[in-house]
Amino acid sequence: MNLYVCIKQVPDTETKIKLNADSTGIDPAGIKWIMSPYDEFAVEEALRLKEKNAGSTVTVVSAGPDRAVESLRTALAMGADNAIHVELPDTADSNMTAKALANTLKKEANVDLIYFGKEAIDDGAAQVPQLTAAYFGVPSVTVVFGIEYNGTTLKCKREIEGGSYELVEVSTPAVIAGTKGLNEPRYATLPNIMKAKKKEVKAVKLADIGVSTSDQKIKNKNIQLPPPKQAGKKIDGDAPAQAHALAQALRNEAKVI
């Protein structure tokens, strides 16, 4: 089987975000970049399926700036066989990213399954898997936390509202976007990390796949950070005095009662 996993490099959740000079994006200086956590479930699922099917290969694909190669090497260290880097500007939107991924996959000899994480943790758009499937011309199932494989047919459990799930049956090739609960991603071992540094990462330029900046539908104009939280207020005294002071503060200052 030829298994493909599309991943995205995102800022670590512990990184302090700053805006760039014109407020059209974030300032990349000093940011720690990681593979989006939901994508780790996707990589792990592909690796597990490969281990059950002799002769299978796992190829990871990432569309983004040059730094995205770091996350590709993380996936290689986890056990992926090949890596493809699509040279995409950092400002690309979901549509441009999806078209670039789909057109890259179309150039591959044979694609059996395409895995994604359900969303990237930086923008939370949750659009690229579905858009990629549409451009590639295959069905997609999102928010998947369980898969039963039966040859070319998959039965996918996907989360829906109310704590319930629905069972979706789909034939390959298909796009599967996984979520937490699908598996437990493995850690890369030191020997595999060292081997991953030496593996070739295939580079793909936009001109080679018929994608240009005209495919970008959304541009950021004025991004704003959330306002800083106000300092807390401590109320002294015994319980009755504190209760009275709190009620007065809620009524006169916060104006919520």
Protein backbone atom coordinates (compact mmCIF):
# COMPACT_ATOMS: atom_id res chain seq x y z
CA MET A 1 0.00 0.00 0.00
CA ASN A 2 1.12 3.55 -0.74
CA LEU A 3 0.18 5.63 2.28
CA TYR A 4 0.53 9.40 2.41
CA VAL A 5 0.34 11.71 5.41
CA CYS A 6 -0.05 15.47 5.05
CA ILE A 7 1.35 17.41 8.00
CA LYS A 8 1.71 21.05 9.00
CA GLN A 9 4.37 22.82 11.05
CA VAL A 10 2.88 25.11 13.72
CA PRO A 11 4.11 27.15 16.69
CA ASP A 12 4.48 25.26 19.94
CA THR A 13 1.57 26.04 22.27
CA GLU A 14 4.04 27.29 24.90
CA THR A 15 5.54 29.85 22.49
CA LYS A 16 4.70 33.50 23.13
CA ILE A 17 3.22 34.87 19.90
CA LYS A 18 4.05 38.34 18.59
CA LEU A 19 2.62 40.05 15.52
CA ASN A 20 4.74 41.21 12.60
CA ALA A 21 5.19 44.91 11.79
CA ASP A 22 2.09 45.28 9.57
CA SER A 23 -0.19 42.98 11.67
CA THR A 24 -0.78 40.59 8.77
CA GLY A 25 0.68 37.58 10.56
CA ILE A 26 2.91 36.47 13.38
CA ASP A 27 6.57 37.33 13.84
CA PRO A 28 8.46 34.04 13.31
CA ALA A 29 11.51 35.18 15.27
CA GLY A 30 12.15 33.14 18.39
CA ILE A 31 9.27 30.71 17.81
CA LYS A 32 9.65 27.02 18.53
CA TRP A 33 8.05 25.10 15.66
CA ILE A 34 6.54 21.61 15.95
CA MET A 35 4.42 19.19 13.97
CA SER A 36 0.75 19.91 14.65
CA PRO A 37 -0.28 17.40 17.36
CA TYR A 38 -3.30 16.08 15.45
CA ASP A 39 -0.95 15.25 12.57
CA GLU A 40 0.97 12.95 14.91
CA PHE A 41 -2.13 10.73 15.09
CA ALA A 42 -2.19 10.66 11.29
CA VAL A 43 1.47 9.64 11.04
CA GLU A 44 1.05 6.96 13.68
CA GLU A 45 -2.04 5.51 11.97
CA ALA A 46 -0.21 5.24 8.65
CA LEU A 47 2.77 3.58 10.32
CA ARG A 48 0.56 1.02 12.06
CA LEU A 49 -1.19 0.14 8.81
CA LYS A 50 2.18 -0.19 7.09
CA GLU A 51 3.37 -2.62 9.76
CA LYS A 52 0.35 -4.83 9.09
CA ASN A 53 0.85 -4.81 5.32
CA ALA A 54 4.26 -5.96 4.12
CA GLY A 55 5.74 -3.91 1.31
CA SER A 56 3.79 -0.77 2.17
CA THR A 57 5.41 2.67 2.28
CA VAL A 58 4.58 5.83 4.20
CA THR A 59 5.32 9.20 2.60
CA VAL A 60 4.88 12.44 4.54
CA VAL A 61 4.05 15.66 2.70
CA SER A 62 4.16 19.21 4.00
CA ALA A 63 3.36 22.45 2.19
CA GLY A 64 5.05 25.45 3.72
CA PRO A 65 8.25 27.50 3.97
CA ASP A 66 11.71 25.94 4.22
CA ARG A 67 11.43 25.41 7.98
CA ALA A 68 8.66 22.83 7.37
CA VAL A 69 11.41 20.33 6.52
CA GLU A 70 12.12 20.07 10.26
CA SER A 71 8.67 18.59 10.88
CA LEU A 72 9.07 16.27 7.91
CA ARG A 73 12.23 14.93 9.53
CA THR A 74 10.30 14.41 12.76
CA ALA A 75 7.88 12.18 10.85
CA LEU A 76 10.79 10.37 9.19
CA ALA A 77 12.26 9.74 12.64
CA MET A 78 8.93 8.23 13.72
CA GLY A 79 9.28 5.71 10.89
CA ALA A 80 8.04 7.26 7.64
CA ASP A 81 9.92 6.13 4.52
CA ASN A 82 9.83 9.22 2.29
CA ALA A 83 9.21 12.95 2.57
CA ILE A 84 8.04 15.64 0.16
CA HIS A 85 8.31 19.37 0.82
CA VAL A 86 6.03 21.62 -1.24
CA GLU A 87 7.59 25.09 -1.21
CA LEU A 88 4.62 27.21 -0.15
CA PRO A 89 4.69 30.75 1.28
CA ASP A 90 3.86 31.14 4.96
CA THR A 91 0.90 33.36 4.02
CA ALA A 92 -0.90 30.66 1.99
CA ASP A 93 -4.54 30.05 2.94
CA SER A 94 -6.40 26.74 3.15
CA ASN A 95 -7.43 26.73 -0.51
CA MET A 96 -3.93 27.34 -1.84
CA THR A 97 -2.46 24.77 0.55
CA ALA A 98 -5.01 22.11 -0.39
CA LYS A 99 -4.56 22.64 -4.11
CA ALA A 100 -0.77 22.42 -3.72
CA LEU A 101 -1.07 19.17 -1.73
CA ALA A 102 -3.59 17.61 -4.13
CA ASN A 103 -1.59 18.51 -7.24
CA THR A 104 1.55 17.09 -5.64
CA LEU A 105 -0.23 13.83 -4.82
CA LYS A 106 -1.54 13.61 -8.38
CA LYS A 107 2.05 13.33 -9.57
CA GLU A 108 2.63 10.25 -7.41
CA ALA A 109 2.39 6.87 -9.15
CA ASN A 110 -0.25 5.39 -6.86
CA VAL A 111 -2.04 6.72 -3.78
CA ASP A 112 -4.08 4.34 -1.63
CA LEU A 113 -4.80 6.43 1.47
CA ILE A 114 -4.15 10.03 2.51
CA TYR A 115 -4.08 10.85 6.22
CA PHE A 116 -4.40 14.24 7.90
CA GLY A 117 -4.92 15.51 11.41
CA LYS A 118 -8.45 16.88 11.82
CA GLU A 119 -7.08 20.45 12.01
CA ALA A 120 -3.93 22.46 12.62
CA ILE A 121 -3.67 23.97 16.09
CA ASP A 122 -2.53 27.38 14.85
CA ASP A 123 -5.53 28.50 12.77
CA GLY A 124 -8.01 25.73 13.63
CA ALA A 125 -9.58 26.09 10.19
CA ALA A 126 -10.20 22.34 9.68
CA GLN A 127 -10.58 22.89 5.94
CA VAL A 128 -7.47 21.52 4.24
CA PRO A 129 -8.33 17.77 4.44
CA GLN A 130 -11.73 18.25 2.81
CA LEU A 131 -10.44 20.70 0.21
CA THR A 132 -7.54 18.39 -0.66
CA ALA A 133 -9.97 15.50 -1.12
CA ALA A 134 -12.12 17.64 -3.43
CA TYR A 135 -9.15 18.72 -5.54
CA PHE A 136 -7.83 15.16 -5.64
CA GLY A 137 -11.24 13.73 -6.48
CA VAL A 138 -11.67 11.26 -3.61
CA PRO A 139 -14.06 10.97 -0.64
CA SER A 140 -13.10 12.20 2.83
CA VAL A 141 -14.02 11.40 6.42
CA THR A 142 -13.07 13.82 9.19
CA VAL A 143 -12.79 13.80 13.01
CA VAL A 144 -12.05 10.06 12.91
CA PHE A 145 -11.15 8.31 16.16
CA GLY A 146 -11.44 4.70 15.04
CA ILE A 147 -10.85 2.80 11.79
CA GLU A 148 -11.65 -0.78 10.80
CA TYR A 149 -9.68 -1.83 7.73
CA ASN A 150 -11.10 -4.42 5.35
CA GLY A 151 -9.14 -4.48 2.12
CA THR A 152 -10.13 -1.45 0.07
CA THR A 153 -13.01 -0.60 2.41
CA LEU A 154 -12.75 1.37 5.65
CA LYS A 155 -15.29 1.75 8.43
CA CYS A 156 -14.57 4.99 10.26
CA LYS A 157 -15.92 6.15 13.61
CA ARG A 158 -16.21 9.94 13.66
CA GLU A 159 -17.21 12.26 16.46
CA ILE A 160 -20.47 14.16 16.29
CA GLU A 161 -22.21 16.46 18.76
CA GLY A 162 -23.74 15.22 21.98
CA GLY A 163 -20.99 12.74 22.81
CA SER A 164 -22.14 10.38 20.06
CA TYR A 165 -20.43 9.05 16.98
CA GLU A 166 -21.41 7.95 13.51
CA LEU A 167 -20.03 5.07 11.46
CA VAL A 168 -19.01 5.95 7.90
CA GLU A 169 -17.98 3.39 5.31
CA VAL A 170 -15.69 4.56 2.53
CA SER A 171 -13.66 2.95 -0.26
CA THR A 172 -10.05 3.74 -1.03
CA PRO A 173 -8.44 5.91 -2.18
CA ALA A 174 -9.76 8.36 0.40
CA VAL A 175 -8.76 11.15 2.76
CA ILE A 176 -8.97 10.36 6.48
CA ALA A 177 -8.58 13.16 9.05
CA GLY A 178 -7.85 11.75 12.49
CA THR A 179 -8.41 13.12 15.97
CA LYS A 180 -7.44 12.31 19.54
CA GLY A 181 -8.31 8.74 20.47
CA LEU A 182 -7.38 7.26 17.11
CA ASN A 183 -4.11 5.92 18.55
CA GLU A 184 -1.18 6.80 20.78
CA PRO A 185 1.65 8.33 18.70
CA ARG A 186 5.07 6.77 19.19
CA TYR A 187 8.22 8.62 20.20
CA ALA A 188 11.10 8.80 17.77
CA THR A 189 14.17 6.90 18.96
CA LEU A 190 17.63 8.49 18.91
CA PRO A 191 18.94 6.15 16.17
CA ASN A 192 15.93 6.98 13.98
CA ILE A 193 16.40 10.70 14.62
CA MET A 194 19.98 10.43 13.41
CA LYS A 195 18.92 8.43 10.35
CA ALA A 196 16.18 10.94 9.53
CA LYS A 197 18.74 13.75 9.31
CA LYS A 198 20.39 11.95 6.39
CA LYS A 199 17.24 11.04 4.45
CA GLU A 200 16.43 12.92 1.29
CA VAL A 201 13.47 15.28 1.31
CA LYS A 202 12.05 15.79 -2.17
CA ALA A 203 11.41 19.46 -2.98
CA VAL A 204 8.44 20.52 -5.11
CA LYS A 205 8.01 24.06 -6.43
CA LEU A 206 4.60 25.64 -7.07
CA ALA A 207 5.38 26.12 -10.75
CA ASP A 208 5.85 22.34 -11.08
CA ILE A 209 2.31 21.62 -9.85
CA GLY A 210 0.34 24.44 -11.48
CA VAL A 211 -0.28 26.48 -8.33
CA SER A 212 0.27 30.23 -7.93
CA THR A 213 -0.61 33.04 -5.56
CA SER A 214 -3.84 33.53 -7.52
CA ASP A 215 -5.10 30.39 -5.78
CA GLN A 216 -5.02 32.20 -2.45
CA LYS A 217 -8.57 33.34 -1.61
CA ILE A 218 -8.02 34.83 1.84
CA LYS A 219 -5.46 37.40 2.99
CA ASN A 220 -4.99 38.61 6.54
CA LYS A 221 -5.28 42.36 6.95
CA ASN A 222 -5.37 43.35 10.60
CA ILE A 223 -4.69 40.59 13.11
CA GLN A 224 -4.99 41.53 16.77
CA LEU A 225 -3.86 39.69 19.87
CA PRO A 226 -6.40 39.17 22.69
CA PRO A 227 -6.38 42.04 25.24
CA PRO A 228 -4.23 41.36 28.31
CA LYS A 229 -6.04 39.99 31.32
CA GLN A 230 -6.71 42.44 34.13
CA ALA A 231 -5.08 41.82 37.48
CA GLY A 232 -7.17 39.99 40.04
CA LYS A 233 -8.66 41.72 43.07
CA LYS A 234 -8.32 40.32 46.58
CA ILE A 235 -11.10 40.92 49.09
CA ASP A 236 -10.08 40.90 52.76
CA GLY A 237 -12.16 40.41 55.89
CA ASP A 238 -14.36 37.67 57.31
CA ALA A 239 -16.83 35.70 55.20
CA PRO A 240 -19.86 38.06 55.59
CA ALA A 241 -17.72 41.11 54.79
CA GLN A 242 -16.16 39.37 51.80
CA ALA A 243 -19.56 38.31 50.47
CA HIS A 244 -20.90 41.87 50.80
CA ALA A 245 -17.81 43.38 49.13
CA LEU A 246 -17.98 40.82 46.31
CA ALA A 247 -21.64 41.54 45.64
CA GLN A 248 -20.93 45.28 45.55
CA ALA A 249 -18.00 44.78 43.15
CA LEU A 250 -20.09 42.61 40.83
CA ARG A 251 -22.87 45.20 40.82
CA ASN A 252 -20.92 48.48 40.68
CA GLU A 253 -17.65 47.57 38.97
CA ALA A 254 -18.26 44.50 36.81
CA LYS A 255 -21.95 45.42 36.37
CA VAL A 256 -23.01 41.82 35.94
CA ILE A 257 -25.74 41.81 38.60
